[in-house]
Full PDB file with SEQRES, HELIX, SHEET, SSBOND, CRYST1, ORIGX, SCALE, CONECT and MASTER records, all heavy atoms in Angstrom:
SEQRES   1 A   35  LEU ASP ASP LEU ALA LEU LEU GLU GLN ARG ILE ALA ASP          
SEQRES   2 A   35  HIS HIS LEU PRO PRO GLU ALA TYR GLU TRP TYR LEU ASP          
SEQRES   3 A   35  LEU ARG ARG PHE GLY SER VAL PRO HIS                          
HELIX    1 AA1 LEU A    4  ASP A   13  1                                  10    
HELIX    2 AA2 PRO A   18  TYR A   21  5                                   4    
HELIX    3 AA3 GLU A   22  ARG A   29  1                                   8    
CRYST1    1.000    1.000    1.000  90.00  90.00  90.00 P 1           1          
ORIGX1      1.000000  0.000000  0.000000        0.00000                         
ORIGX2      0.000000  1.000000  0.000000        0.00000                         
ORIGX3      0.000000  0.000000  1.000000        0.00000                         
SCALE1      1.000000  0.000000  0.000000        0.00000                         
SCALE2      0.000000  1.000000  0.000000        0.00000                         
SCALE3      0.000000  0.000000  1.000000        0.00000                         
ATOM      1  N   LEU A   1       0.330 -29.924  35.551  1.00  0.00           N  
ATOM      2  CA  LEU A   1      -0.783 -28.981  35.475  1.00  0.00           C  
ATOM      3  C   LEU A   1      -2.103 -29.739  35.518  1.00  0.00           C  
ATOM      4  O   LEU A   1      -2.331 -30.657  34.718  1.00  0.00           O  
ATOM      5  CB  LEU A   1      -0.711 -28.182  34.178  1.00  0.00           C  
ATOM      6  CG  LEU A   1      -0.092 -26.787  34.244  1.00  0.00           C  
ATOM      7  CD1 LEU A   1       0.017 -26.198  32.850  1.00  0.00           C  
ATOM      8  CD2 LEU A   1      -0.938 -25.896  35.129  1.00  0.00           C  
ATOM      9  N   ASP A   2      -2.998 -29.359  36.427  1.00  0.00           N  
ATOM     10  CA  ASP A   2      -4.316 -29.972  36.479  1.00  0.00           C  
ATOM     11  C   ASP A   2      -5.426 -28.991  36.135  1.00  0.00           C  
ATOM     12  O   ASP A   2      -6.598 -29.331  36.177  1.00  0.00           O  
ATOM     13  CB  ASP A   2      -4.566 -30.600  37.858  1.00  0.00           C  
ATOM     14  CG  ASP A   2      -4.321 -29.613  38.996  1.00  0.00           C  
ATOM     15  OD1 ASP A   2      -5.210 -28.822  39.287  1.00  0.00           O  
ATOM     16  OD2 ASP A   2      -3.241 -29.664  39.586  1.00  0.00           O  
ATOM     17  N   ASP A   3      -5.065 -27.751  35.792  1.00  0.00           N  
ATOM     18  CA  ASP A   3      -6.022 -26.721  35.403  1.00  0.00           C  
ATOM     19  C   ASP A   3      -6.188 -26.712  33.887  1.00  0.00           C  
ATOM     20  O   ASP A   3      -5.222 -26.501  33.144  1.00  0.00           O  
ATOM     21  CB  ASP A   3      -5.551 -25.355  35.900  1.00  0.00           C  
ATOM     22  CG  ASP A   3      -6.509 -24.239  35.530  1.00  0.00           C  
ATOM     23  OD1 ASP A   3      -7.460 -24.013  36.310  1.00  0.00           O  
ATOM     24  OD2 ASP A   3      -6.324 -23.598  34.474  1.00  0.00           O  
ATOM     25  N   LEU A   4      -7.386 -26.958  33.410  1.00  0.00           N  
ATOM     26  CA  LEU A   4      -7.646 -27.095  31.975  1.00  0.00           C  
ATOM     27  C   LEU A   4      -7.284 -25.835  31.207  1.00  0.00           C  
ATOM     28  O   LEU A   4      -6.579 -25.893  30.194  1.00  0.00           O  
ATOM     29  CB  LEU A   4      -9.112 -27.453  31.737  1.00  0.00           C  
ATOM     30  CG  LEU A   4      -9.566 -27.506  30.266  1.00  0.00           C  
ATOM     31  CD1 LEU A   4      -8.777 -28.548  29.486  1.00  0.00           C  
ATOM     32  CD2 LEU A   4     -11.072 -27.780  30.194  1.00  0.00           C  
ATOM     33  N   ALA A   5      -7.755 -24.678  31.659  1.00  0.00           N  
ATOM     34  CA  ALA A   5      -7.530 -23.429  30.927  1.00  0.00           C  
ATOM     35  C   ALA A   5      -6.048 -23.108  30.819  1.00  0.00           C  
ATOM     36  O   ALA A   5      -5.555 -22.707  29.757  1.00  0.00           O  
ATOM     37  CB  ALA A   5      -8.281 -22.285  31.598  1.00  0.00           C  
ATOM     38  N   LEU A   6      -5.315 -23.282  31.906  1.00  0.00           N  
ATOM     39  CA  LEU A   6      -3.890 -22.976  31.890  1.00  0.00           C  
ATOM     40  C   LEU A   6      -3.127 -23.960  31.006  1.00  0.00           C  
ATOM     41  O   LEU A   6      -2.198 -23.580  30.295  1.00  0.00           O  
ATOM     42  CB  LEU A   6      -3.330 -22.988  33.310  1.00  0.00           C  
ATOM     43  CG  LEU A   6      -1.858 -22.570  33.471  1.00  0.00           C  
ATOM     44  CD1 LEU A   6      -1.577 -21.237  32.794  1.00  0.00           C  
ATOM     45  CD2 LEU A   6      -1.475 -22.516  34.954  1.00  0.00           C  
ATOM     46  N   LEU A   7      -3.526 -25.214  31.029  1.00  0.00           N  
ATOM     47  CA  LEU A   7      -2.876 -26.202  30.167  1.00  0.00           C  
ATOM     48  C   LEU A   7      -3.118 -25.874  28.696  1.00  0.00           C  
ATOM     49  O   LEU A   7      -2.209 -25.969  27.868  1.00  0.00           O  
ATOM     50  CB  LEU A   7      -3.371 -27.604  30.498  1.00  0.00           C  
ATOM     51  CG  LEU A   7      -2.717 -28.756  29.725  1.00  0.00           C  
ATOM     52  CD1 LEU A   7      -1.202 -28.760  29.902  1.00  0.00           C  
ATOM     53  CD2 LEU A   7      -3.294 -30.108  30.164  1.00  0.00           C  
ATOM     54  N   GLU A   8      -4.337 -25.482  28.353  1.00  0.00           N  
ATOM     55  CA  GLU A   8      -4.620 -25.074  26.977  1.00  0.00           C  
ATOM     56  C   GLU A   8      -3.747 -23.889  26.574  1.00  0.00           C  
ATOM     57  O   GLU A   8      -3.235 -23.833  25.453  1.00  0.00           O  
ATOM     58  CB  GLU A   8      -6.102 -24.724  26.834  1.00  0.00           C  
ATOM     59  CG  GLU A   8      -7.030 -25.929  26.899  1.00  0.00           C  
ATOM     60  CD  GLU A   8      -8.488 -25.541  26.849  1.00  0.00           C  
ATOM     61  OE1 GLU A   8      -8.859 -24.483  27.433  1.00  0.00           O  
ATOM     62  OE2 GLU A   8      -9.275 -26.288  26.226  1.00  0.00           O  
ATOM     63  N   GLN A   9      -3.560 -22.947  27.492  1.00  0.00           N  
ATOM     64  CA  GLN A   9      -2.730 -21.797  27.200  1.00  0.00           C  
ATOM     65  C   GLN A   9      -1.273 -22.199  26.996  1.00  0.00           C  
ATOM     66  O   GLN A   9      -0.599 -21.700  26.086  1.00  0.00           O  
ATOM     67  CB  GLN A   9      -2.834 -20.775  28.341  1.00  0.00           C  
ATOM     68  CG  GLN A   9      -2.052 -19.471  28.092  1.00  0.00           C  
ATOM     69  CD  GLN A   9      -2.524 -18.753  26.869  1.00  0.00           C  
ATOM     70  OE1 GLN A   9      -3.719 -18.477  26.717  1.00  0.00           O  
ATOM     71  NE2 GLN A   9      -1.618 -18.423  25.943  1.00  0.00           N  
ATOM     72  N   ARG A  10      -0.788 -23.131  27.827  1.00  0.00           N  
ATOM     73  CA  ARG A  10       0.600 -23.600  27.698  1.00  0.00           C  
ATOM     74  C   ARG A  10       0.830 -24.290  26.350  1.00  0.00           C  
ATOM     75  O   ARG A  10       1.870 -24.116  25.711  1.00  0.00           O  
ATOM     76  CB  ARG A  10       0.925 -24.570  28.845  1.00  0.00           C  
ATOM     77  CG  ARG A  10       1.101 -23.885  30.193  1.00  0.00           C  
ATOM     78  CD  ARG A  10       2.456 -23.194  30.289  1.00  0.00           C  
ATOM     79  NE  ARG A  10       2.680 -22.635  31.606  1.00  0.00           N  
ATOM     80  CZ  ARG A  10       3.121 -23.329  32.651  1.00  0.00           C  
ATOM     81  NH1 ARG A  10       3.411 -24.620  32.530  1.00  0.00           N  
ATOM     82  NH2 ARG A  10       3.289 -22.729  33.822  1.00  0.00           N  
ATOM     83  N   ILE A  11      -0.127 -25.089  25.923  1.00  0.00           N  
ATOM     84  CA  ILE A  11      -0.012 -25.764  24.627  1.00  0.00           C  
ATOM     85  C   ILE A  11       0.083 -24.738  23.505  1.00  0.00           C  
ATOM     86  O   ILE A  11       0.890 -24.873  22.581  1.00  0.00           O  
ATOM     87  CB  ILE A  11      -1.203 -26.720  24.423  1.00  0.00           C  
ATOM     88  CG1 ILE A  11      -1.061 -27.919  25.374  1.00  0.00           C  
ATOM     89  CG2 ILE A  11      -1.296 -27.187  22.971  1.00  0.00           C  
ATOM     90  CD1 ILE A  11      -2.274 -28.840  25.395  1.00  0.00           C  
ATOM     91  N   ALA A  12      -0.719 -23.674  23.603  1.00  0.00           N  
ATOM     92  CA  ALA A  12      -0.662 -22.605  22.606  1.00  0.00           C  
ATOM     93  C   ALA A  12       0.664 -21.853  22.679  1.00  0.00           C  
ATOM     94  O   ALA A  12       1.267 -21.549  21.638  1.00  0.00           O  
ATOM     95  CB  ALA A  12      -1.832 -21.644  22.815  1.00  0.00           C  
ATOM     96  N   ASP A  13       1.138 -21.571  23.894  1.00  0.00           N  
ATOM     97  CA  ASP A  13       2.396 -20.837  24.064  1.00  0.00           C  
ATOM     98  C   ASP A  13       3.582 -21.596  23.481  1.00  0.00           C  
ATOM     99  O   ASP A  13       4.551 -20.988  23.012  1.00  0.00           O  
ATOM    100  CB  ASP A  13       2.652 -20.551  25.548  1.00  0.00           C  
ATOM    101  CG  ASP A  13       1.675 -19.544  26.143  1.00  0.00           C  
ATOM    102  OD1 ASP A  13       1.013 -18.829  25.359  1.00  0.00           O  
ATOM    103  OD2 ASP A  13       1.569 -19.491  27.392  1.00  0.00           O  
ATOM    104  N   HIS A  14       3.528 -22.929  23.537  1.00  0.00           N  
ATOM    105  CA  HIS A  14       4.615 -23.752  23.019  1.00  0.00           C  
ATOM    106  C   HIS A  14       4.415 -24.098  21.546  1.00  0.00           C  
ATOM    107  O   HIS A  14       5.174 -24.891  20.985  1.00  0.00           O  
ATOM    108  CB  HIS A  14       4.752 -25.033  23.844  1.00  0.00           C  
ATOM    109  CG  HIS A  14       5.417 -24.837  25.175  1.00  0.00           C  
ATOM    110  ND1 HIS A  14       4.800 -24.222  26.244  1.00  0.00           N  
ATOM    111  CD2 HIS A  14       6.681 -25.145  25.611  1.00  0.00           C  
ATOM    112  CE1 HIS A  14       5.621 -24.191  27.273  1.00  0.00           C  
ATOM    113  NE2 HIS A  14       6.770 -24.734  26.920  1.00  0.00           N  
ATOM    114  N   HIS A  15       3.390 -23.532  20.929  1.00  0.00           N  
ATOM    115  CA  HIS A  15       3.120 -23.720  19.499  1.00  0.00           C  
ATOM    116  C   HIS A  15       2.944 -25.195  19.153  1.00  0.00           C  
ATOM    117  O   HIS A  15       3.432 -25.696  18.124  1.00  0.00           O  
ATOM    118  CB  HIS A  15       4.236 -23.104  18.641  1.00  0.00           C  
ATOM    119  CG  HIS A  15       4.514 -21.666  18.966  1.00  0.00           C  
ATOM    120  ND1 HIS A  15       3.629 -20.642  18.682  1.00  0.00           N  
ATOM    121  CD2 HIS A  15       5.579 -21.070  19.592  1.00  0.00           C  
ATOM    122  CE1 HIS A  15       4.132 -19.495  19.105  1.00  0.00           C  
ATOM    123  NE2 HIS A  15       5.314 -19.720  19.650  1.00  0.00           N  
ATOM    124  N   LEU A  16       2.213 -25.903  20.013  1.00  0.00           N  
ATOM    125  CA  LEU A  16       1.916 -27.305  19.792  1.00  0.00           C  
ATOM    126  C   LEU A  16       0.542 -27.445  19.148  1.00  0.00           C  
ATOM    127  O   LEU A  16      -0.357 -26.648  19.415  1.00  0.00           O  
ATOM    128  CB  LEU A  16       1.954 -28.067  21.123  1.00  0.00           C  
ATOM    129  CG  LEU A  16       3.293 -28.038  21.873  1.00  0.00           C  
ATOM    130  CD1 LEU A  16       3.150 -28.640  23.268  1.00  0.00           C  
ATOM    131  CD2 LEU A  16       4.376 -28.778  21.093  1.00  0.00           C  
ATOM    132  N   PRO A  17       0.360 -28.433  18.292  1.00  0.00           N  
ATOM    133  CA  PRO A  17      -0.937 -28.614  17.634  1.00  0.00           C  
ATOM    134  C   PRO A  17      -1.996 -29.067  18.637  1.00  0.00           C  
ATOM    135  O   PRO A  17      -1.912 -30.186  19.156  1.00  0.00           O  
ATOM    136  CB  PRO A  17      -0.667 -29.679  16.578  1.00  0.00           C  
ATOM    137  CG  PRO A  17       0.530 -30.435  17.110  1.00  0.00           C  
ATOM    138  CD  PRO A  17       1.351 -29.444  17.849  1.00  0.00           C  
ATOM    139  N   PRO A  18      -3.003 -28.256  18.913  1.00  0.00           N  
ATOM    140  CA  PRO A  18      -3.965 -28.602  19.972  1.00  0.00           C  
ATOM    141  C   PRO A  18      -4.722 -29.889  19.712  1.00  0.00           C  
ATOM    142  O   PRO A  18      -5.060 -30.607  20.662  1.00  0.00           O  
ATOM    143  CB  PRO A  18      -4.909 -27.381  20.008  1.00  0.00           C  
ATOM    144  CG  PRO A  18      -4.717 -26.693  18.699  1.00  0.00           C  
ATOM    145  CD  PRO A  18      -3.304 -26.946  18.301  1.00  0.00           C  
ATOM    146  N   GLU A  19      -4.976 -30.222  18.436  1.00  0.00           N  
ATOM    147  CA  GLU A  19      -5.732 -31.431  18.123  1.00  0.00           C  
ATOM    148  C   GLU A  19      -5.006 -32.698  18.586  1.00  0.00           C  
ATOM    149  O   GLU A  19      -5.637 -33.707  18.917  1.00  0.00           O  
ATOM    150  CB  GLU A  19      -6.039 -31.516  16.632  1.00  0.00           C  
ATOM    151  CG  GLU A  19      -4.815 -31.617  15.707  1.00  0.00           C  
ATOM    152  CD  GLU A  19      -4.172 -30.278  15.375  1.00  0.00           C  
ATOM    153  OE1 GLU A  19      -4.594 -29.239  15.942  1.00  0.00           O  
ATOM    154  OE2 GLU A  19      -3.227 -30.265  14.550  1.00  0.00           O  
ATOM    155  N   ALA A  20      -3.675 -32.642  18.620  1.00  0.00           N  
ATOM    156  CA  ALA A  20      -2.910 -33.815  19.051  1.00  0.00           C  
ATOM    157  C   ALA A  20      -3.011 -34.056  20.551  1.00  0.00           C  
ATOM    158  O   ALA A  20      -2.651 -35.137  21.040  1.00  0.00           O  
ATOM    159  CB  ALA A  20      -1.446 -33.666  18.651  1.00  0.00           C  
ATOM    160  N   TYR A  21      -3.463 -33.068  21.296  1.00  0.00           N  
ATOM    161  CA  TYR A  21      -3.519 -33.158  22.754  1.00  0.00           C  
ATOM    162  C   TYR A  21      -4.949 -33.170  23.295  1.00  0.00           C  
ATOM    163  O   TYR A  21      -5.145 -33.045  24.504  1.00  0.00           O  
ATOM    164  CB  TYR A  21      -2.735 -31.997  23.390  1.00  0.00           C  
ATOM    165  CG  TYR A  21      -1.268 -32.028  23.053  1.00  0.00           C  
ATOM    166  CD1 TYR A  21      -0.779 -31.364  21.932  1.00  0.00           C  
ATOM    167  CD2 TYR A  21      -0.370 -32.744  23.829  1.00  0.00           C  
ATOM    168  CE1 TYR A  21       0.565 -31.404  21.597  1.00  0.00           C  
ATOM    169  CE2 TYR A  21       0.978 -32.787  23.513  1.00  0.00           C  
ATOM    170  CZ  TYR A  21       1.433 -32.109  22.387  1.00  0.00           C  
ATOM    171  OH  TYR A  21       2.772 -32.162  22.059  1.00  0.00           O  
ATOM    172  N   GLU A  22      -5.941 -33.337  22.412  1.00  0.00           N  
ATOM    173  CA  GLU A  22      -7.319 -33.356  22.872  1.00  0.00           C  
ATOM    174  C   GLU A  22      -7.546 -34.455  23.902  1.00  0.00           C  
ATOM    175  O   GLU A  22      -8.222 -34.270  24.909  1.00  0.00           O  
ATOM    176  CB  GLU A  22      -8.279 -33.514  21.691  1.00  0.00           C  
ATOM    177  CG  GLU A  22      -8.619 -32.208  20.993  1.00  0.00           C  
ATOM    178  CD  GLU A  22      -9.303 -31.215  21.933  1.00  0.00           C  
ATOM    179  OE1 GLU A  22     -10.297 -31.594  22.599  1.00  0.00           O  
ATOM    180  OE2 GLU A  22      -8.830 -30.065  22.017  1.00  0.00           O  
ATOM    181  N   TRP A  23      -6.989 -35.621  23.629  1.00  0.00           N  
ATOM    182  CA  TRP A  23      -7.156 -36.726  24.575  1.00  0.00           C  
ATOM    183  C   TRP A  23      -6.516 -36.395  25.919  1.00  0.00           C  
ATOM    184  O   TRP A  23      -7.052 -36.770  26.981  1.00  0.00           O  
ATOM    185  CB  TRP A  23      -6.555 -38.015  23.993  1.00  0.00           C  
ATOM    186  CG  TRP A  23      -5.043 -37.987  23.912  1.00  0.00           C  
ATOM    187  CD1 TRP A  23      -4.291 -37.559  22.866  1.00  0.00           C  
ATOM    188  CD2 TRP A  23      -4.127 -38.385  24.944  1.00  0.00           C  
ATOM    189  NE1 TRP A  23      -2.950 -37.650  23.171  1.00  0.00           N  
ATOM    190  CE2 TRP A  23      -2.822 -38.159  24.441  1.00  0.00           C  
ATOM    191  CE3 TRP A  23      -4.270 -38.894  26.224  1.00  0.00           C  
ATOM    192  CZ2 TRP A  23      -1.672 -38.446  25.171  1.00  0.00           C  
ATOM    193  CZ3 TRP A  23      -3.123 -39.176  26.973  1.00  0.00           C  
ATOM    194  CH2 TRP A  23      -1.844 -38.959  26.437  1.00  0.00           C  
ATOM    195  N   TYR A  24      -5.370 -35.701  25.884  1.00  0.00           N  
ATOM    196  CA  TYR A  24      -4.661 -35.322  27.106  1.00  0.00           C  
ATOM    197  C   TYR A  24      -5.462 -34.281  27.891  1.00  0.00           C  
ATOM    198  O   TYR A  24      -5.502 -34.326  29.126  1.00  0.00           O  
ATOM    199  CB  TYR A  24      -3.287 -34.792  26.723  1.00  0.00           C  
ATOM    200  CG  TYR A  24      -2.363 -34.461  27.876  1.00  0.00           C  
ATOM    201  CD1 TYR A  24      -1.940 -35.435  28.759  1.00  0.00           C  
ATOM    202  CD2 TYR A  24      -1.904 -33.158  28.059  1.00  0.00           C  
ATOM    203  CE1 TYR A  24      -1.072 -35.134  29.808  1.00  0.00           C  
ATOM    204  CE2 TYR A  24      -1.033 -32.843  29.092  1.00  0.00           C  
ATOM    205  CZ  TYR A  24      -0.624 -33.832  29.958  1.00  0.00           C  
ATOM    206  OH  TYR A  24       0.243 -33.521  31.001  1.00  0.00           O  
ATOM    207  N   LEU A  25      -6.117 -33.373  27.180  1.00  0.00           N  
ATOM    208  CA  LEU A  25      -6.952 -32.366  27.838  1.00  0.00           C  
ATOM    209  C   LEU A  25      -8.178 -33.006  28.493  1.00  0.00           C  
ATOM    210  O   LEU A  25      -8.693 -32.490  29.482  1.00  0.00           O  
ATOM    211  CB  LEU A  25      -7.379 -31.302  26.829  1.00  0.00           C  
ATOM    212  CG  LEU A  25      -6.242 -30.415  26.284  1.00  0.00           C  
ATOM    213  CD1 LEU A  25      -6.742 -29.561  25.118  1.00  0.00           C  
ATOM    214  CD2 LEU A  25      -5.650 -29.546  27.384  1.00  0.00           C  
ATOM    215  N   ASP A  26      -8.623 -34.144  27.950  1.00  0.00           N  
ATOM    216  CA  ASP A  26      -9.752 -34.853  28.574  1.00  0.00           C  
ATOM    217  C   ASP A  26      -9.467 -35.224  30.023  1.00  0.00           C  
ATOM    218  O   ASP A  26     -10.382 -35.316  30.841  1.00  0.00           O  
ATOM    219  CB  ASP A  26     -10.080 -36.123  27.787  1.00  0.00           C  
ATOM    220  CG  ASP A  26     -11.006 -35.859  26.605  1.00  0.00           C  
ATOM    221  OD1 ASP A  26     -11.557 -34.746  26.504  1.00  0.00           O  
ATOM    222  OD2 ASP A  26     -11.175 -36.791  25.786  1.00  0.00           O  
ATOM    223  N   LEU A  27      -8.191 -35.448  30.331  1.00  0.00           N  
ATOM    224  CA  LEU A  27      -7.834 -35.805  31.706  1.00  0.00           C  
ATOM    225  C   LEU A  27      -8.151 -34.665  32.666  1.00  0.00           C  
ATOM    226  O   LEU A  27      -8.370 -34.900  33.858  1.00  0.00           O  
ATOM    227  CB  LEU A  27      -6.353 -36.168  31.799  1.00  0.00           C  
ATOM    228  CG  LEU A  27      -5.840 -37.261  30.854  1.00  0.00           C  
ATOM    229  CD1 LEU A  27      -4.352 -37.494  31.070  1.00  0.00           C  
ATOM    230  CD2 LEU A  27      -6.613 -38.544  31.040  1.00  0.00           C  
ATOM    231  N   ARG A  28      -8.197 -33.435  32.163  1.00  0.00           N  
ATOM    232  CA  ARG A  28      -8.544 -32.273  32.985  1.00  0.00           C  
ATOM    233  C   ARG A  28     -10.039 -31.972  32.924  1.00  0.00           C  
ATOM    234  O   ARG A  28     -10.575 -31.287  33.803  1.00  0.00           O  
ATOM    235  CB  ARG A  28      -7.765 -31.035  32.525  1.00  0.00           C  
ATOM    236  CG  ARG A  28      -6.333 -30.991  33.071  1.00  0.00           C  
ATOM    237  CD  ARG A  28      -5.417 -32.027  32.437  1.00  0.00           C  
ATOM    238  NE  ARG A  28      -4.052 -31.989  32.966  1.00  0.00           N  
ATOM    239  CZ  ARG A  28      -3.124 -32.870  32.670  1.00  0.00           C  
ATOM    240  NH1 ARG A  28      -3.408 -33.879  31.859  1.00  0.00           N  
ATOM    241  NH2 ARG A  28      -1.922 -32.756  33.189  1.00  0.00           N  
ATOM    242  N   ARG A  29     -10.715 -32.466  31.922  1.00  0.00           N  
ATOM    243  CA  ARG A  29     -12.156 -32.249  31.800  1.00  0.00           C  
ATOM    244  C   ARG A  29     -12.957 -33.227  32.648  1.00  0.00           C  
ATOM    245  O   ARG A  29     -14.048 -32.918  33.113  1.00  0.00           O  
ATOM    246  CB  ARG A  29     -12.581 -32.394  30.337  1.00  0.00           C  
ATOM    247  CG  ARG A  29     -11.987 -31.361  29.392  1.00  0.00           C  
ATOM    248  CD  ARG A  29     -12.547 -31.536  27.986  1.00  0.00           C  
ATOM    249  NE  ARG A  29     -11.983 -30.568  27.048  1.00  0.00           N  
ATOM    250  CZ  ARG A  29     -11.177 -30.882  26.054  1.00  0.00           C  
ATOM    251  NH1 ARG A  29     -10.833 -32.151  25.847  1.00  0.00           N  
ATOM    252  NH2 ARG A  29     -10.688 -29.937  25.248  1.00  0.00           N  
ATOM    253  N   PHE A  30     -12.417 -34.406  32.844  1.00  0.00           N  
ATOM    254  CA  PHE A  30     -13.179 -35.468  33.477  1.00  0.00           C  
ATOM    255  C   PHE A  30     -12.430 -36.005  34.698  1.00  0.00           C  
ATOM    256  O   PHE A  30     -11.663 -36.956  34.613  1.00  0.00           O  
ATOM    257  CB  PHE A  30     -13.466 -36.589  32.483  1.00  0.00           C  
ATOM    258  CG  PHE A  30     -14.116 -36.112  31.205  1.00  0.00           C  
ATOM    259  CD1 PHE A  30     -13.414 -36.097  30.008  1.00  0.00           C  
ATOM    260  CD2 PHE A  30     -15.421 -35.639  31.207  1.00  0.00           C  
ATOM    261  CE1 PHE A  30     -14.006 -35.654  28.836  1.00  0.00           C  
ATOM    262  CE2 PHE A  30     -16.017 -35.189  30.037  1.00  0.00           C  
ATOM    263  CZ  PHE A  30     -15.315 -35.191  28.864  1.00  0.00           C  
ATOM    264  N   GLY A  31     -12.657 -35.363  35.834  1.00  0.00           N  
ATOM    265  CA  GLY A  31     -12.077 -35.845  37.093  1.00  0.00           C  
ATOM    266  C   GLY A  31     -10.648 -35.410  37.339  1.00  0.00           C  
ATOM    267  O   GLY A  31      -9.843 -36.187  37.874  1.00  0.00           O  
ATOM    268  N   SER A  32     -10.306 -34.170  36.979  1.00  0.00           N  
ATOM    269  CA  SER A  32      -8.937 -33.687  37.167  1.00  0.00           C  
ATOM    270  C   SER A  32      -8.576 -33.626  38.649  1.00  0.00           C  
ATOM    271  O   SER A  32      -9.367 -33.172  39.478  1.00  0.00           O  
ATOM    272  CB  SER A  32      -8.791 -32.299  36.534  1.00  0.00           C  
ATOM    273  OG  SER A  32      -7.455 -31.834  36.644  1.00  0.00           O  
ATOM    274  N   VAL A  33      -7.374 -34.081  38.968  1.00  0.00           N  
ATOM    275  CA  VAL A  33      -6.870 -34.025  40.339  1.00  0.00           C  
ATOM    276  C   VAL A  33      -5.394 -33.639  40.299  1.00  0.00           C  
ATOM    277  O   VAL A  33      -4.719 -33.820  39.283  1.00  0.00           O  
ATOM    278  CB  VAL A  33      -7.013 -35.379  41.079  1.00  0.00           C  
ATOM    279  CG1 VAL A  33      -8.476 -35.805  41.140  1.00  0.00           C  
ATOM    280  CG2 VAL A  33      -6.153 -36.462  40.419  1.00  0.00           C  
ATOM    281  N   PRO A  34      -4.860 -33.103  41.398  1.00  0.00           N  
ATOM    282  CA  PRO A  34      -3.405 -32.908  41.460  1.00  0.00           C  
ATOM    283  C   PRO A  34      -2.699 -34.245  41.293  1.00  0.00           C  
ATOM    284  O   PRO A  34      -3.163 -35.273  41.790  1.00  0.00           O  
ATOM    285  CB  PRO A  34      -3.191 -32.330  42.862  1.00  0.00           C  
ATOM    286  CG  PRO A  34      -4.527 -31.794  43.271  1.00  0.00           C  
ATOM    287  CD  PRO A  34      -5.544 -32.668  42.621  1.00  0.00           C  
ATOM    288  N   HIS A  35      -1.570 -34.230  40.593  1.00  0.00           N  
ATOM    289  CA  HIS A  35      -0.797 -35.459  40.419  1.00  0.00           C  
ATOM    290  C   HIS A  35       0.640 -35.105  40.079  1.00  0.00           C  
ATOM    291  O   HIS A  35       0.933 -33.982  39.648  1.00  0.00           O  
ATOM    292  CB  HIS A  35      -1.415 -36.369  39.356  1.00  0.00           C  
ATOM    293  CG  HIS A  35      -1.560 -35.750  37.992  1.00  0.00           C  
ATOM    294  ND1 HIS A  35      -2.467 -34.759  37.709  1.00  0.00           N  
ATOM    295  CD2 HIS A  35      -0.918 -36.007  36.824  1.00  0.00           C  
ATOM    296  CE1 HIS A  35      -2.384 -34.423  36.437  1.00  0.00           C  
ATOM    297  NE2 HIS A  35      -1.434 -35.159  35.877  1.00  0.00           N  
TER     298      HIS A  35                                                      
MASTER        0    0    0    3    0    0    0    6  297    1    0    3          
END                                                                             
């Protein structure tokens, strides 16, 4: 997933603690590309 909003939604859907993935979400905030 390279879409920030959808990734945030997926983290919530899987009941994962969002604070633990802030660094991972940065990859979508700063220069996100398909990968």
